[in-house]
Amino acid sequence: MALLLPEGQRSDHHGAALLLPILPRARELLGDRGYDSNWFRASLAERGITPCIPSTRSRKLPLPYDRTLYRQRHRIENMFGGLKDWRRIATRYDRCAHTFFSAICIAATVTFWL
């Protein structure tokens, strides 16, 4: 298992590029429109992963995706929403990555046990 905490202003799409080499085996990958790019889809296909990512509005021909599976993404959003109930995490008060990551670990542990 690898943990990666990029800068706060970095887009998730660029962070996904850093995680691709260590991505675990999976059948599908759920992502929002921000992850829609040809290179990302191609790299997932090389690993045998089916992307479940809706096309961006700027695509001339929208790519198909499993709408039923995509509806399950709300579970992921709920988990992040629970973490963002912690004000320190939602606003990212901490300057140092290790301090911010420690706050995330504490919040995740308390959220899991409650």
N, C-alpha and C. Protein backbone atom coordinates (compact mmCIF):
# COMPACT_ATOMS: atom_id res chain seq x y z
N MET A 1 0.85 -1.17 0.00
CA MET A 1 0.00 0.00 0.00
C MET A 1 0.89 1.24 0.00
N ALA A 2 0.55 2.19 -0.83
CA ALA A 2 1.34 3.41 -0.92
C ALA A 2 0.46 4.60 -0.53
N LEU A 3 1.08 5.56 0.09
CA LEU A 3 0.38 6.77 0.47
C LEU A 3 1.03 7.95 -0.23
N LEU A 4 0.22 8.77 -0.83
CA LEU A 4 0.72 9.92 -1.57
C LEU A 4 -0.10 11.13 -1.18
N LEU A 5 0.56 12.19 -0.82
CA LEU A 5 -0.12 13.43 -0.48
C LEU A 5 0.50 14.55 -1.31
N PRO A 6 -0.08 14.85 -2.47
CA PRO A 6 0.47 15.93 -3.30
C PRO A 6 0.12 17.29 -2.73
N GLU A 7 0.67 18.32 -3.33
CA GLU A 7 0.37 19.68 -2.89
C GLU A 7 -1.12 19.96 -3.00
N GLY A 8 -1.60 20.86 -2.17
CA GLY A 8 -3.03 21.16 -2.14
C GLY A 8 -3.56 21.76 -3.42
N GLN A 9 -2.72 22.50 -4.16
CA GLN A 9 -3.18 23.16 -5.37
C GLN A 9 -3.05 22.28 -6.61
N ARG A 10 -2.44 21.10 -6.48
CA ARG A 10 -2.24 20.21 -7.62
C ARG A 10 -3.55 19.51 -7.96
N SER A 11 -3.83 19.37 -9.24
CA SER A 11 -5.07 18.74 -9.65
C SER A 11 -5.02 17.23 -9.40
N ASP A 12 -6.18 16.63 -9.18
CA ASP A 12 -6.25 15.19 -8.94
C ASP A 12 -5.78 14.41 -10.16
N HIS A 13 -6.00 14.97 -11.32
CA HIS A 13 -5.61 14.30 -12.56
C HIS A 13 -4.10 14.08 -12.60
N HIS A 14 -3.32 15.06 -12.16
CA HIS A 14 -1.87 14.90 -12.13
C HIS A 14 -1.45 13.94 -11.01
N GLY A 15 -2.17 13.94 -9.93
CA GLY A 15 -1.89 12.99 -8.85
C GLY A 15 -2.15 11.56 -9.28
N ALA A 16 -3.14 11.36 -10.15
CA ALA A 16 -3.43 10.02 -10.66
C ALA A 16 -2.26 9.50 -11.49
N ALA A 17 -1.58 10.37 -12.20
CA ALA A 17 -0.42 9.96 -12.99
C ALA A 17 0.69 9.44 -12.09
N LEU A 18 0.82 9.99 -10.90
CA LEU A 18 1.83 9.52 -9.96
C LEU A 18 1.48 8.15 -9.38
N LEU A 19 0.19 7.87 -9.27
CA LEU A 19 -0.25 6.61 -8.68
C LEU A 19 -0.36 5.46 -9.68
N LEU A 20 -0.36 5.75 -10.97
CA LEU A 20 -0.54 4.70 -11.97
C LEU A 20 0.47 3.56 -11.85
N PRO A 21 1.74 3.82 -11.65
CA PRO A 21 2.69 2.69 -11.58
C PRO A 21 2.43 1.74 -10.42
N ILE A 22 1.83 2.20 -9.35
CA ILE A 22 1.61 1.35 -8.17
C ILE A 22 0.13 1.02 -7.96
N LEU A 23 -0.67 1.22 -8.98
CA LEU A 23 -2.10 0.94 -8.90
C LEU A 23 -2.34 -0.56 -8.70
N PRO A 24 -3.14 -0.95 -7.70
CA PRO A 24 -3.40 -2.38 -7.50
C PRO A 24 -4.28 -2.94 -8.61
N ARG A 25 -4.31 -4.26 -8.69
CA ARG A 25 -5.14 -4.91 -9.71
C ARG A 25 -6.61 -4.62 -9.43
N ALA A 26 -7.34 -4.31 -10.49
CA ALA A 26 -8.77 -4.02 -10.36
C ALA A 26 -9.45 -4.28 -11.69
N ARG A 27 -10.76 -4.46 -11.65
CA ARG A 27 -11.51 -4.62 -12.90
C ARG A 27 -11.94 -3.27 -13.44
N GLU A 28 -12.42 -2.39 -12.56
CA GLU A 28 -12.91 -1.08 -12.98
C GLU A 28 -12.31 0.01 -12.11
N LEU A 29 -12.30 1.21 -12.64
CA LEU A 29 -11.87 2.37 -11.89
C LEU A 29 -12.94 3.44 -12.03
N LEU A 30 -13.49 3.88 -10.91
CA LEU A 30 -14.49 4.94 -10.91
C LEU A 30 -13.79 6.29 -10.80
N GLY A 31 -14.19 7.22 -11.62
CA GLY A 31 -13.61 8.56 -11.56
C GLY A 31 -14.60 9.59 -12.08
N ASP A 32 -14.42 10.83 -11.67
CA ASP A 32 -15.31 11.87 -12.18
C ASP A 32 -14.75 12.44 -13.48
N ARG A 33 -15.42 13.44 -14.01
CA ARG A 33 -15.04 14.00 -15.31
C ARG A 33 -13.62 14.56 -15.33
N GLY A 34 -13.10 14.94 -14.19
CA GLY A 34 -11.76 15.49 -14.13
C GLY A 34 -10.69 14.50 -14.54
N TYR A 35 -10.98 13.22 -14.51
CA TYR A 35 -10.01 12.19 -14.87
C TYR A 35 -10.14 11.75 -16.32
N ASP A 36 -11.01 12.37 -17.08
CA ASP A 36 -11.21 11.99 -18.48
C ASP A 36 -10.11 12.56 -19.36
N SER A 37 -9.23 11.69 -19.80
CA SER A 37 -8.22 12.06 -20.80
C SER A 37 -7.82 10.79 -21.54
N ASN A 38 -7.39 10.97 -22.77
CA ASN A 38 -7.02 9.82 -23.59
C ASN A 38 -5.85 9.05 -23.00
N TRP A 39 -4.83 9.75 -22.50
CA TRP A 39 -3.65 9.05 -21.97
C TRP A 39 -3.99 8.26 -20.72
N PHE A 40 -4.89 8.80 -19.88
CA PHE A 40 -5.26 8.10 -18.65
C PHE A 40 -6.08 6.85 -18.98
N ARG A 41 -6.99 6.98 -19.92
CA ARG A 41 -7.80 5.83 -20.32
C ARG A 41 -6.92 4.75 -20.96
N ALA A 42 -5.95 5.17 -21.78
CA ALA A 42 -5.06 4.21 -22.43
C ALA A 42 -4.19 3.47 -21.41
N SER A 43 -3.69 4.18 -20.43
CA SER A 43 -2.86 3.53 -19.42
C SER A 43 -3.68 2.58 -18.55
N LEU A 44 -4.93 2.89 -18.31
CA LEU A 44 -5.80 1.95 -17.58
C LEU A 44 -6.06 0.71 -18.43
N ALA A 45 -6.29 0.91 -19.72
CA ALA A 45 -6.54 -0.23 -20.62
C ALA A 45 -5.32 -1.14 -20.69
N GLU A 46 -4.12 -0.58 -20.64
CA GLU A 46 -2.90 -1.40 -20.65
C GLU A 46 -2.84 -2.31 -19.43
N ARG A 47 -3.41 -1.88 -18.34
CA ARG A 47 -3.42 -2.67 -17.11
C ARG A 47 -4.66 -3.57 -17.00
N GLY A 48 -5.51 -3.54 -18.01
CA GLY A 48 -6.72 -4.37 -18.00
C GLY A 48 -7.81 -3.82 -17.11
N ILE A 49 -7.79 -2.52 -16.87
CA ILE A 49 -8.79 -1.87 -16.02
C ILE A 49 -9.78 -1.12 -16.91
N THR A 50 -11.05 -1.35 -16.69
CA THR A 50 -12.09 -0.65 -17.45
C THR A 50 -12.40 0.68 -16.76
N PRO A 51 -12.21 1.79 -17.46
CA PRO A 51 -12.52 3.08 -16.83
C PRO A 51 -14.02 3.34 -16.82
N CYS A 52 -14.53 3.74 -15.68
CA CYS A 52 -15.93 4.16 -15.56
C CYS A 52 -15.89 5.66 -15.26
N ILE A 53 -15.61 6.42 -16.32
CA ILE A 53 -15.41 7.86 -16.21
C ILE A 53 -16.29 8.54 -17.26
N PRO A 54 -17.20 9.42 -16.86
CA PRO A 54 -17.97 10.14 -17.87
C PRO A 54 -17.08 11.09 -18.67
N SER A 55 -17.47 11.32 -19.90
CA SER A 55 -16.69 12.22 -20.75
C SER A 55 -16.87 13.67 -20.33
N THR A 56 -15.83 14.45 -20.56
CA THR A 56 -15.95 15.89 -20.30
C THR A 56 -16.88 16.49 -21.35
N ARG A 57 -17.40 17.63 -21.05
CA ARG A 57 -18.32 18.28 -21.98
C ARG A 57 -17.61 18.73 -23.26
N SER A 58 -16.30 18.87 -23.20
CA SER A 58 -15.57 19.34 -24.37
C SER A 58 -15.31 18.24 -25.40
N ARG A 59 -15.56 16.99 -25.08
CA ARG A 59 -15.38 15.91 -26.06
C ARG A 59 -16.45 16.01 -27.13
N LYS A 60 -16.02 15.88 -28.36
CA LYS A 60 -16.98 15.95 -29.46
C LYS A 60 -17.87 14.70 -29.49
N LEU A 61 -17.26 13.54 -29.29
CA LEU A 61 -18.01 12.29 -29.22
C LEU A 61 -17.85 11.71 -27.81
N PRO A 62 -18.91 11.77 -27.00
CA PRO A 62 -18.82 11.23 -25.64
C PRO A 62 -18.51 9.74 -25.64
N LEU A 63 -17.66 9.31 -24.75
CA LEU A 63 -17.30 7.90 -24.62
C LEU A 63 -18.30 7.21 -23.69
N PRO A 64 -18.62 5.95 -23.98
CA PRO A 64 -19.58 5.24 -23.13
C PRO A 64 -18.97 4.86 -21.78
N TYR A 65 -19.82 4.75 -20.77
CA TYR A 65 -19.42 4.30 -19.44
C TYR A 65 -20.62 3.65 -18.79
N ASP A 66 -20.39 2.84 -17.79
CA ASP A 66 -21.44 2.12 -17.08
C ASP A 66 -22.11 3.05 -16.08
N ARG A 67 -23.29 3.53 -16.41
CA ARG A 67 -24.00 4.49 -15.56
C ARG A 67 -24.43 3.87 -14.22
N THR A 68 -24.77 2.59 -14.24
CA THR A 68 -25.18 1.93 -13.00
C THR A 68 -24.00 1.84 -12.03
N LEU A 69 -22.85 1.47 -12.53
CA LEU A 69 -21.66 1.40 -11.69
C LEU A 69 -21.25 2.79 -11.22
N TYR A 70 -21.38 3.77 -12.08
CA TYR A 70 -20.97 5.13 -11.72
C TYR A 70 -21.80 5.69 -10.56
N ARG A 71 -23.03 5.24 -10.43
CA ARG A 71 -23.89 5.70 -9.33
C ARG A 71 -23.34 5.28 -7.96
N GLN A 72 -22.50 4.25 -7.94
CA GLN A 72 -21.91 3.79 -6.68
C GLN A 72 -20.83 4.74 -6.16
N ARG A 73 -20.45 5.72 -6.97
CA ARG A 73 -19.42 6.66 -6.58
C ARG A 73 -19.81 7.50 -5.37
N HIS A 74 -21.09 7.57 -5.08
CA HIS A 74 -21.56 8.35 -3.93
C HIS A 74 -20.96 7.83 -2.63
N ARG A 75 -20.63 6.54 -2.57
CA ARG A 75 -20.02 5.99 -1.36
C ARG A 75 -18.64 6.61 -1.11
N ILE A 76 -17.90 6.79 -2.18
CA ILE A 76 -16.58 7.42 -2.07
C ILE A 76 -16.74 8.88 -1.65
N GLU A 77 -17.69 9.57 -2.27
CA GLU A 77 -17.94 10.97 -1.93
C GLU A 77 -18.38 11.12 -0.48
N ASN A 78 -19.20 10.18 0.01
CA ASN A 78 -19.63 10.23 1.41
C ASN A 78 -18.46 10.07 2.37
N MET A 79 -17.50 9.21 2.01
CA MET A 79 -16.33 9.01 2.86
C MET A 79 -15.52 10.30 2.94
N PHE A 80 -15.28 10.95 1.81
CA PHE A 80 -14.55 12.22 1.82
C PHE A 80 -15.34 13.31 2.54
N GLY A 81 -16.65 13.28 2.39
CA GLY A 81 -17.49 14.24 3.10
C GLY A 81 -17.37 14.09 4.60
N GLY A 82 -17.28 12.84 5.07
CA GLY A 82 -17.11 12.59 6.50
C GLY A 82 -15.78 13.12 7.01
N LEU A 83 -14.73 12.98 6.21
CA LEU A 83 -13.43 13.52 6.60
C LEU A 83 -13.45 15.05 6.62
N LYS A 84 -14.18 15.63 5.68
CA LYS A 84 -14.21 17.09 5.60
C LYS A 84 -15.10 17.73 6.65
N ASP A 85 -15.78 16.90 7.45
CA ASP A 85 -16.49 17.45 8.61
C ASP A 85 -15.49 18.00 9.61
N TRP A 86 -14.29 17.51 9.56
CA TRP A 86 -13.21 18.01 10.41
C TRP A 86 -12.68 19.28 9.77
N ARG A 87 -12.89 20.39 10.44
CA ARG A 87 -12.53 21.70 9.88
C ARG A 87 -11.07 21.79 9.48
N ARG A 88 -10.20 21.22 10.28
CA ARG A 88 -8.76 21.26 10.02
C ARG A 88 -8.42 20.62 8.66
N ILE A 89 -9.14 19.57 8.31
CA ILE A 89 -8.89 18.87 7.04
C ILE A 89 -9.55 19.59 5.88
N ALA A 90 -10.78 20.07 6.08
CA ALA A 90 -11.49 20.73 5.00
C ALA A 90 -10.76 21.98 4.51
N THR A 91 -10.14 22.71 5.42
CA THR A 91 -9.46 23.95 5.04
C THR A 91 -7.95 23.78 4.89
N ARG A 92 -7.44 22.61 5.23
CA ARG A 92 -6.01 22.28 5.15
C ARG A 92 -5.15 23.33 5.85
N TYR A 93 -5.38 23.43 7.16
CA TYR A 93 -4.65 24.39 7.98
C TYR A 93 -3.15 24.12 8.02
N ASP A 94 -2.77 22.87 8.03
CA ASP A 94 -1.37 22.50 8.24
C ASP A 94 -0.52 22.80 7.02
N ARG A 95 0.63 23.38 7.24
CA ARG A 95 1.54 23.67 6.14
C ARG A 95 2.33 22.45 5.72
N CYS A 96 2.78 21.67 6.70
CA CYS A 96 3.62 20.51 6.40
C CYS A 96 2.74 19.31 6.02
N ALA A 97 3.19 18.58 5.01
CA ALA A 97 2.43 17.42 4.54
C ALA A 97 2.31 16.36 5.62
N HIS A 98 3.38 16.14 6.40
CA HIS A 98 3.30 15.09 7.42
C HIS A 98 2.32 15.45 8.53
N THR A 99 2.19 16.72 8.86
CA THR A 99 1.23 17.14 9.88
C THR A 99 -0.20 17.01 9.36
N PHE A 100 -0.41 17.41 8.11
CA PHE A 100 -1.73 17.29 7.49
C PHE A 100 -2.13 15.83 7.37
N PHE A 101 -1.19 14.98 6.97
CA PHE A 101 -1.48 13.57 6.84
C PHE A 101 -1.79 12.95 8.20
N SER A 102 -1.12 13.40 9.24
CA SER A 102 -1.42 12.91 10.59
C SER A 102 -2.84 13.27 11.00
N ALA A 103 -3.27 14.49 10.66
CA ALA A 103 -4.64 14.90 10.97
C ALA A 103 -5.65 14.04 10.21
N ILE A 104 -5.34 13.70 8.97
CA ILE A 104 -6.22 12.84 8.18
C ILE A 104 -6.32 11.46 8.83
N CYS A 105 -5.19 10.94 9.27
CA CYS A 105 -5.18 9.61 9.91
C CYS A 105 -6.02 9.61 11.19
N ILE A 106 -5.90 10.65 11.98
CA ILE A 106 -6.68 10.74 13.22
C ILE A 106 -8.17 10.83 12.89
N ALA A 107 -8.52 11.69 11.94
CA ALA A 107 -9.92 11.85 11.55
C ALA A 107 -10.49 10.55 10.98
N ALA A 108 -9.71 9.86 10.17
CA ALA A 108 -10.18 8.60 9.57
C ALA A 108 -10.38 7.54 10.65
N THR A 109 -9.48 7.48 11.60
CA THR A 109 -9.60 6.50 12.67
C THR A 109 -10.84 6.77 13.53
N VAL A 110 -11.03 8.01 13.92
CA VAL A 110 -12.19 8.36 14.75
C VAL A 110 -13.49 8.13 13.96
N THR A 111 -13.50 8.52 12.70
CA THR A 111 -14.70 8.33 11.86
C THR A 111 -15.02 6.85 11.70
N PHE A 112 -13.99 6.04 11.54
CA PHE A 112 -14.19 4.59 11.37
C PHE A 112 -14.78 3.97 12.62
N TRP A 113 -14.30 4.37 13.79
CA TRP A 113 -14.75 3.75 15.03
C TRP A 113 -16.08 4.31 15.54
N LEU A 114 -16.53 5.42 15.01
CA LEU A 114 -17.81 5.97 15.48
C LEU A 114 -18.91 5.47 14.63
